[in-house]
Amino acid sequence: MTTWRMELQAELDVFERLRLSLLDRAAGKYALVKGSELVNVFGSEVEAIRDGYRRFGNEAFLVKHIVEADVPMIFTSLR
């Protein structure tokens, strides 16, 4: 498991537990999660990130798009 994933596991668990209810009321928006708490829902990713930095500074927090299924993003280095 990657370091960032271990650091944000509590937040990921909260999001997954709330995903269906969030889909019902806020599909397409962005959830800000810190620890075991859903902090708020935002209309854009930028708004959620800004509020996360305002509230938590340089501490880890999760911003997650509220969609039915996550699309994996794969990054590779081209050499």
PDB file of N, CA and C in Angstrom:
ATOM      1  N   MET A   1       0.847  -1.169   0.000  1.00  0.00           N
ATOM      2  CA  MET A   1       0.000   0.000   0.000  1.00  0.00           C
ATOM      3  C   MET A   1       0.897   1.238   0.000  1.00  0.00           C
ATOM      4  N   THR A   2       0.552   2.201  -0.824  1.00  0.00           N
ATOM      5  CA  THR A   2       1.368   3.407  -0.923  1.00  0.00           C
ATOM      6  C   THR A   2       1.252   4.251   0.345  1.00  0.00           C
ATOM      7  N   THR A   3       2.263   5.076   0.590  1.00  0.00           N
ATOM      8  CA  THR A   3       2.298   5.898   1.797  1.00  0.00           C
ATOM      9  C   THR A   3       1.106   6.838   1.880  1.00  0.00           C
ATOM     10  N   TRP A   4       0.778   7.530   0.771  1.00  0.00           N
ATOM     11  CA  TRP A   4      -0.361   8.464   0.814  1.00  0.00           C
ATOM     12  C   TRP A   4      -1.658   7.725   1.086  1.00  0.00           C
ATOM     13  N   ARG A   5      -1.768   6.493   0.562  1.00  0.00           N
ATOM     14  CA  ARG A   5      -2.995   5.724   0.777  1.00  0.00           C
ATOM     15  C   ARG A   5      -3.122   5.328   2.244  1.00  0.00           C
ATOM     16  N   MET A   6      -2.015   4.953   2.869  1.00  0.00           N
ATOM     17  CA  MET A   6      -2.044   4.606   4.291  1.00  0.00           C
ATOM     18  C   MET A   6      -2.394   5.843   5.119  1.00  0.00           C
ATOM     19  N   GLU A   7      -1.848   6.986   4.739  1.00  0.00           N
ATOM     20  CA  GLU A   7      -2.091   8.223   5.470  1.00  0.00           C
ATOM     21  C   GLU A   7      -3.556   8.663   5.372  1.00  0.00           C
ATOM     22  N   LEU A   8      -4.200   8.365   4.259  1.00  0.00           N
ATOM     23  CA  LEU A   8      -5.579   8.797   4.024  1.00  0.00           C
ATOM     24  C   LEU A   8      -6.598   7.661   4.122  1.00  0.00           C
ATOM     25  N   GLN A   9      -6.217   6.521   4.685  1.00  0.00           N
ATOM     26  CA  GLN A   9      -7.126   5.379   4.728  1.00  0.00           C
ATOM     27  C   GLN A   9      -8.410   5.686   5.490  1.00  0.00           C
ATOM     28  N   ALA A  10      -8.323   6.397   6.607  1.00  0.00           N
ATOM     29  CA  ALA A  10      -9.534   6.736   7.367  1.00  0.00           C
ATOM     30  C   ALA A  10     -10.483   7.571   6.515  1.00  0.00           C
ATOM     31  N   GLU A  11      -9.929   8.547   5.784  1.00  0.00           N
ATOM     32  CA  GLU A  11     -10.741   9.404   4.926  1.00  0.00           C
ATOM     33  C   GLU A  11     -11.362   8.618   3.773  1.00  0.00           C
ATOM     34  N   LEU A  12     -10.591   7.728   3.175  1.00  0.00           N
ATOM     35  CA  LEU A  12     -11.108   6.885   2.093  1.00  0.00           C
ATOM     36  C   LEU A  12     -12.234   5.992   2.594  1.00  0.00           C
ATOM     37  N   ASP A  13     -12.082   5.449   3.795  1.00  0.00           N
ATOM     38  CA  ASP A  13     -13.133   4.597   4.381  1.00  0.00           C
ATOM     39  C   ASP A  13     -14.415   5.395   4.611  1.00  0.00           C
ATOM     40  N   VAL A  14     -14.287   6.618   5.121  1.00  0.00           N
ATOM     41  CA  VAL A  14     -15.458   7.471   5.348  1.00  0.00           C
ATOM     42  C   VAL A  14     -16.150   7.751   4.025  1.00  0.00           C
ATOM     43  N   PHE A  15     -15.379   8.120   3.004  1.00  0.00           N
ATOM     44  CA  PHE A  15     -15.976   8.422   1.705  1.00  0.00           C
ATOM     45  C   PHE A  15     -16.723   7.209   1.153  1.00  0.00           C
ATOM     46  N   GLU A  16     -16.107   6.035   1.215  1.00  0.00           N
ATOM     47  CA  GLU A  16     -16.764   4.833   0.682  1.00  0.00           C
ATOM     48  C   GLU A  16     -18.032   4.504   1.453  1.00  0.00           C
ATOM     49  N   ARG A  17     -18.013   4.707   2.764  1.00  0.00           N
ATOM     50  CA  ARG A  17     -19.196   4.449   3.577  1.00  0.00           C
ATOM     51  C   ARG A  17     -20.344   5.401   3.203  1.00  0.00           C
ATOM     52  N   LEU A  18     -19.993   6.635   2.825  1.00  0.00           N
ATOM     53  CA  LEU A  18     -20.999   7.654   2.515  1.00  0.00           C
ATOM     54  C   LEU A  18     -21.308   7.790   1.028  1.00  0.00           C
ATOM     55  N   ARG A  19     -20.588   7.063   0.176  1.00  0.00           N
ATOM     56  CA  ARG A  19     -20.685   7.266  -1.276  1.00  0.00           C
ATOM     57  C   ARG A  19     -22.129   7.233  -1.792  1.00  0.00           C
ATOM     58  N   LEU A  20     -22.908   6.233  -1.424  1.00  0.00           N
ATOM     59  CA  LEU A  20     -24.276   6.122  -1.955  1.00  0.00           C
ATOM     60  C   LEU A  20     -25.161   7.285  -1.526  1.00  0.00           C
ATOM     61  N   SER A  21     -25.065   7.691  -0.278  1.00  0.00           N
ATOM     62  CA  SER A  21     -25.885   8.829   0.167  1.00  0.00           C
ATOM     63  C   SER A  21     -25.404  10.122  -0.485  1.00  0.00           C
ATOM     64  N   LEU A  22     -24.100  10.258  -0.683  1.00  0.00           N
ATOM     65  CA  LEU A  22     -23.579  11.440  -1.376  1.00  0.00           C
ATOM     66  C   LEU A  22     -24.034  11.464  -2.833  1.00  0.00           C
ATOM     67  N   LEU A  23     -24.075  10.310  -3.466  1.00  0.00           N
ATOM     68  CA  LEU A  23     -24.560  10.240  -4.853  1.00  0.00           C
ATOM     69  C   LEU A  23     -26.002  10.711  -4.953  1.00  0.00           C
ATOM     70  N   ASP A  24     -26.817  10.374  -3.960  1.00  0.00           N
ATOM     71  CA  ASP A  24     -28.221  10.780  -3.963  1.00  0.00           C
ATOM     72  C   ASP A  24     -28.389  12.293  -3.858  1.00  0.00           C
ATOM     73  N   ARG A  25     -27.522  12.940  -3.091  1.00  0.00           N
ATOM     74  CA  ARG A  25     -27.734  14.368  -2.831  1.00  0.00           C
ATOM     75  C   ARG A  25     -26.707  15.295  -3.452  1.00  0.00           C
ATOM     76  N   ALA A  26     -25.586  14.751  -3.949  1.00  0.00           N
ATOM     77  CA  ALA A  26     -24.533  15.648  -4.429  1.00  0.00           C
ATOM     78  C   ALA A  26     -23.711  15.044  -5.569  1.00  0.00           C
ATOM     79  N   ALA A  27     -24.325  14.264  -6.420  1.00  0.00           N
ATOM     80  CA  ALA A  27     -23.595  13.626  -7.522  1.00  0.00           C
ATOM     81  C   ALA A  27     -22.893  14.670  -8.371  1.00  0.00           C
ATOM     82  N   GLY A  28     -21.641  14.383  -8.712  1.00  0.00           N
ATOM     83  CA  GLY A  28     -20.856  15.273  -9.552  1.00  0.00           C
ATOM     84  C   GLY A  28     -20.111  16.350  -8.793  1.00  0.00           C
ATOM     85  N   LYS A  29     -20.392  16.502  -7.506  1.00  0.00           N
ATOM     86  CA  LYS A  29     -19.695  17.501  -6.689  1.00  0.00           C
ATOM     87  C   LYS A  29     -18.456  16.866  -6.052  1.00  0.00           C
ATOM     88  N   TYR A  30     -17.828  17.593  -5.142  1.00  0.00           N
ATOM     89  CA  TYR A  30     -16.582  17.140  -4.521  1.00  0.00           C
ATOM     90  C   TYR A  30     -16.707  17.150  -3.008  1.00  0.00           C
ATOM     91  N   ALA A  31     -16.319  16.039  -2.386  1.00  0.00           N
ATOM     92  CA  ALA A  31     -16.382  15.903  -0.937  1.00  0.00           C
ATOM     93  C   ALA A  31     -15.022  16.220  -0.332  1.00  0.00           C
ATOM     94  N   LEU A  32     -15.034  16.963   0.765  1.00  0.00           N
ATOM     95  CA  LEU A  32     -13.831  17.217   1.563  1.00  0.00           C
ATOM     96  C   LEU A  32     -13.973  16.394   2.833  1.00  0.00           C
ATOM     97  N   VAL A  33     -12.997  15.503   3.060  1.00  0.00           N
ATOM     98  CA  VAL A  33     -13.044  14.598   4.208  1.00  0.00           C
ATOM     99  C   VAL A  33     -11.746  14.742   4.991  1.00  0.00           C
ATOM    100  N   LYS A  34     -11.875  14.839   6.318  1.00  0.00           N
ATOM    101  CA  LYS A  34     -10.713  14.903   7.198  1.00  0.00           C
ATOM    102  C   LYS A  34     -10.954  13.960   8.356  1.00  0.00           C
ATOM    103  N   GLY A  35     -10.064  12.995   8.539  1.00  0.00           N
ATOM    104  CA  GLY A  35     -10.232  12.020   9.608  1.00  0.00           C
ATOM    105  C   GLY A  35     -11.502  11.225   9.386  1.00  0.00           C
ATOM    106  N   SER A  36     -12.363  11.189  10.381  1.00  0.00           N
ATOM    107  CA  SER A  36     -13.606  10.423  10.275  1.00  0.00           C
ATOM    108  C   SER A  36     -14.806  11.308   9.955  1.00  0.00           C
ATOM    109  N   GLU A  37     -14.556  12.525   9.456  1.00  0.00           N
ATOM    110  CA  GLU A  37     -15.632  13.490   9.240  1.00  0.00           C
ATOM    111  C   GLU A  37     -15.730  13.958   7.788  1.00  0.00           C
ATOM    112  N   LEU A  38     -16.947  13.963   7.265  1.00  0.00           N
ATOM    113  CA  LEU A  38     -17.228  14.641   6.006  1.00  0.00           C
ATOM    114  C   LEU A  38     -17.348  16.112   6.363  1.00  0.00           C
ATOM    115  N   VAL A  39     -16.401  16.912   5.908  1.00  0.00           N
ATOM    116  CA  VAL A  39     -16.353  18.323   6.281  1.00  0.00           C
ATOM    117  C   VAL A  39     -17.413  19.111   5.528  1.00  0.00           C
ATOM    118  N   ASN A  40     -17.457  18.939   4.194  1.00  0.00           N
ATOM    119  CA  ASN A  40     -18.405  19.677   3.382  1.00  0.00           C
ATOM    120  C   ASN A  40     -18.387  19.126   1.971  1.00  0.00           C
ATOM    121  N   VAL A  41     -19.329  19.596   1.155  1.00  0.00           N
ATOM    122  CA  VAL A  41     -19.415  19.234  -0.264  1.00  0.00           C
ATOM    123  C   VAL A  41     -19.332  20.528  -1.059  1.00  0.00           C
ATOM    124  N   PHE A  42     -18.595  20.490  -2.178  1.00  0.00           N
ATOM    125  CA  PHE A  42     -18.335  21.684  -2.973  1.00  0.00           C
ATOM    126  C   PHE A  42     -18.680  21.445  -4.436  1.00  0.00           C
ATOM    127  N   GLY A  43     -18.954  22.524  -5.138  1.00  0.00           N
ATOM    128  CA  GLY A  43     -19.286  22.443  -6.552  1.00  0.00           C
ATOM    129  C   GLY A  43     -18.103  22.203  -7.445  1.00  0.00           C
ATOM    130  N   SER A  44     -16.900  22.525  -6.968  1.00  0.00           N
ATOM    131  CA  SER A  44     -15.704  22.300  -7.788  1.00  0.00           C
ATOM    132  C   SER A  44     -14.574  21.742  -6.932  1.00  0.00           C
ATOM    133  N   GLU A  45     -13.663  21.071  -7.602  1.00  0.00           N
ATOM    134  CA  GLU A  45     -12.495  20.509  -6.930  1.00  0.00           C
ATOM    135  C   GLU A  45     -11.635  21.621  -6.333  1.00  0.00           C
ATOM    136  N   VAL A  46     -11.477  22.707  -7.073  1.00  0.00           N
ATOM    137  CA  VAL A  46     -10.657  23.835  -6.603  1.00  0.00           C
ATOM    138  C   VAL A  46     -11.221  24.421  -5.307  1.00  0.00           C
ATOM    139  N   GLU A  47     -12.539  24.592  -5.236  1.00  0.00           N
ATOM    140  CA  GLU A  47     -13.165  25.110  -4.013  1.00  0.00           C
ATOM    141  C   GLU A  47     -12.889  24.191  -2.827  1.00  0.00           C
ATOM    142  N   ALA A  48     -13.014  22.888  -3.054  1.00  0.00           N
ATOM    143  CA  ALA A  48     -12.790  21.918  -1.978  1.00  0.00           C
ATOM    144  C   ALA A  48     -11.342  21.941  -1.505  1.00  0.00           C
ATOM    145  N   ILE A  49     -10.404  22.008  -2.435  1.00  0.00           N
ATOM    146  CA  ILE A  49      -8.983  22.044  -2.081  1.00  0.00           C
ATOM    147  C   ILE A  49      -8.652  23.331  -1.326  1.00  0.00           C
ATOM    148  N   ARG A  50      -9.166  24.453  -1.804  1.00  0.00           N
ATOM    149  CA  ARG A  50      -8.913  25.738  -1.120  1.00  0.00           C
ATOM    150  C   ARG A  50      -9.423  25.707   0.315  1.00  0.00           C
ATOM    151  N   ASP A  51     -10.626  25.176   0.505  1.00  0.00           N
ATOM    152  CA  ASP A  51     -11.177  25.116   1.852  1.00  0.00           C
ATOM    153  C   ASP A  51     -10.374  24.153   2.723  1.00  0.00           C
ATOM    154  N   GLY A  52      -9.924  23.051   2.133  1.00  0.00           N
ATOM    155  CA  GLY A  52      -9.091  22.111   2.882  1.00  0.00           C
ATOM    156  C   GLY A  52      -7.809  22.757   3.369  1.00  0.00           C
ATOM    157  N   TYR A  53      -7.130  23.511   2.502  1.00  0.00           N
ATOM    158  CA  TYR A  53      -5.907  24.204   2.921  1.00  0.00           C
ATOM    159  C   TYR A  53      -6.204  25.298   3.948  1.00  0.00           C
ATOM    160  N   ARG A  54      -7.321  25.988   3.778  1.00  0.00           N
ATOM    161  CA  ARG A  54      -7.694  27.038   4.726  1.00  0.00           C
ATOM    162  C   ARG A  54      -7.932  26.440   6.118  1.00  0.00           C
ATOM    163  N   ARG A  55      -8.619  25.299   6.157  1.00  0.00           N
ATOM    164  CA  ARG A  55      -8.958  24.679   7.442  1.00  0.00           C
ATOM    165  C   ARG A  55      -7.794  23.912   8.068  1.00  0.00           C
ATOM    166  N   PHE A  56      -7.050  23.167   7.232  1.00  0.00           N
ATOM    167  CA  PHE A  56      -6.105  22.189   7.768  1.00  0.00           C
ATOM    168  C   PHE A  56      -4.640  22.487   7.449  1.00  0.00           C
ATOM    169  N   GLY A  57      -4.397  23.539   6.670  1.00  0.00           N
ATOM    170  CA  GLY A  57      -3.017  23.876   6.346  1.00  0.00           C
ATOM    171  C   GLY A  57      -2.337  22.748   5.598  1.00  0.00           C
ATOM    172  N   ASN A  58      -1.176  22.378   6.063  1.00  0.00           N
ATOM    173  CA  ASN A  58      -0.364  21.373   5.387  1.00  0.00           C
ATOM    174  C   ASN A  58      -0.635  19.946   5.884  1.00  0.00           C
ATOM    175  N   GLU A  59      -1.701  19.758   6.647  1.00  0.00           N
ATOM    176  CA  GLU A  59      -2.084  18.409   7.083  1.00  0.00           C
ATOM    177  C   GLU A  59      -2.808  17.696   5.939  1.00  0.00           C
ATOM    178  N   ALA A  60      -2.740  16.380   5.947  1.00  0.00           N
ATOM    179  CA  ALA A  60      -3.397  15.595   4.898  1.00  0.00           C
ATOM    180  C   ALA A  60      -4.916  15.669   5.038  1.00  0.00           C
ATOM    181  N   PHE A  61      -5.593  15.815   3.899  1.00  0.00           N
ATOM    182  CA  PHE A  61      -7.049  15.761   3.821  1.00  0.00           C
ATOM    183  C   PHE A  61      -7.394  15.179   2.457  1.00  0.00           C
ATOM    184  N   LEU A  62      -8.631  14.735   2.312  1.00  0.00           N
ATOM    185  CA  LEU A  62      -9.062  14.077   1.078  1.00  0.00           C
ATOM    186  C   LEU A  62     -10.115  14.914   0.373  1.00  0.00           C
ATOM    187  N   VAL A  63      -9.920  15.129  -0.923  1.00  0.00           N
ATOM    188  CA  VAL A  63     -10.950  15.708  -1.786  1.00  0.00           C
ATOM    189  C   VAL A  63     -11.276  14.640  -2.813  1.00  0.00           C
ATOM    190  N   LYS A  64     -12.543  14.260  -2.892  1.00  0.00           N
ATOM    191  CA  LYS A  64     -12.941  13.143  -3.749  1.00  0.00           C
ATOM    192  C   LYS A  64     -14.161  13.537  -4.573  1.00  0.00           C
ATOM    193  N   HIS A  65     -14.099  13.225  -5.862  1.00  0.00           N
ATOM    194  CA  HIS A  65     -15.213  13.463  -6.780  1.00  0.00           C
ATOM    195  C   HIS A  65     -16.326  12.475  -6.446  1.00  0.00           C
ATOM    196  N   ILE A  66     -17.538  12.961  -6.356  1.00  0.00           N
ATOM    197  CA  ILE A  66     -18.676  12.110  -5.987  1.00  0.00           C
ATOM    198  C   ILE A  66     -19.275  11.529  -7.268  1.00  0.00           C
ATOM    199  N   VAL A  67     -18.815  10.339  -7.601  1.00  0.00           N
ATOM    200  CA  VAL A  67     -19.259   9.615  -8.792  1.00  0.00           C
ATOM    201  C   VAL A  67     -19.487   8.159  -8.404  1.00  0.00           C
ATOM    202  N   GLU A  68     -20.198   7.431  -9.275  1.00  0.00           N
ATOM    203  CA  GLU A  68     -20.498   6.022  -8.967  1.00  0.00           C
ATOM    204  C   GLU A  68     -19.251   5.166  -8.860  1.00  0.00           C
ATOM    205  N   ALA A  69     -18.336   5.336  -9.808  1.00  0.00           N
ATOM    206  CA  ALA A  69     -17.115   4.522  -9.814  1.00  0.00           C
ATOM    207  C   ALA A  69     -15.925   5.410 -10.132  1.00  0.00           C
ATOM    208  N   ASP A  70     -14.827   5.147  -9.458  1.00  0.00           N
ATOM    209  CA  ASP A  70     -13.607   5.899  -9.718  1.00  0.00           C
ATOM    210  C   ASP A  70     -12.936   5.393 -10.981  1.00  0.00           C
ATOM    211  N   VAL A  71     -12.426   6.321 -11.769  1.00  0.00           N
ATOM    212  CA  VAL A  71     -11.656   5.964 -12.957  1.00  0.00           C
ATOM    213  C   VAL A  71     -10.191   6.014 -12.562  1.00  0.00           C
ATOM    214  N   PRO A  72      -9.484   4.891 -12.672  1.00  0.00           N
ATOM    215  CA  PRO A  72      -8.081   4.888 -12.275  1.00  0.00           C
ATOM    216  C   PRO A  72      -7.262   5.830 -13.159  1.00  0.00           C
ATOM    217  N   MET A  73      -6.348   6.530 -12.531  1.00  0.00           N
ATOM    218  CA  MET A  73      -5.413   7.382 -13.263  1.00  0.00           C
ATOM    219  C   MET A  73      -4.038   6.743 -13.146  1.00  0.00           C
ATOM    220  N   ILE A  74      -3.408   6.523 -14.264  1.00  0.00           N
ATOM    221  CA  ILE A  74      -2.115   5.856 -14.282  1.00  0.00           C
ATOM    222  C   ILE A  74      -1.075   6.857 -14.771  1.00  0.00           C
ATOM    223  N   PHE A  75      -0.040   7.029 -13.993  1.00  0.00           N
ATOM    224  CA  PHE A  75       1.037   7.929 -14.360  1.00  0.00           C
ATOM    225  C   PHE A  75       2.313   7.127 -14.552  1.00  0.00           C
ATOM    226  N   THR A  76       2.986   7.379 -15.628  1.00  0.00           N
ATOM    227  CA  THR A  76       4.259   6.716 -15.880  1.00  0.00           C
ATOM    228  C   THR A  76       5.267   7.764 -16.305  1.00  0.00           C
ATOM    229  N   SER A  77       6.510   7.428 -16.154  1.00  0.00           N
ATOM    230  CA  SER A  77       7.538   8.357 -16.632  1.00  0.00           C
ATOM    231  C   SER A  77       8.023   7.870 -17.990  1.00  0.00           C
ATOM    232  N   LEU A  78       8.156   8.790 -18.900  1.00  0.00           N
ATOM    233  CA  LEU A  78       8.666   8.474 -20.228  1.00  0.00           C
ATOM    234  C   LEU A  78      10.149   8.790 -20.234  1.00  0.00           C
ATOM    235  N   ARG A  79      10.926   7.832 -20.614  1.00  0.00           N
ATOM    236  CA  ARG A  79      12.374   8.049 -20.639  1.00  0.00           C
ATOM    237  C   ARG A  79      12.906   7.818 -22.023  1.00  0.00           C
TER     238      ARG A  79
END
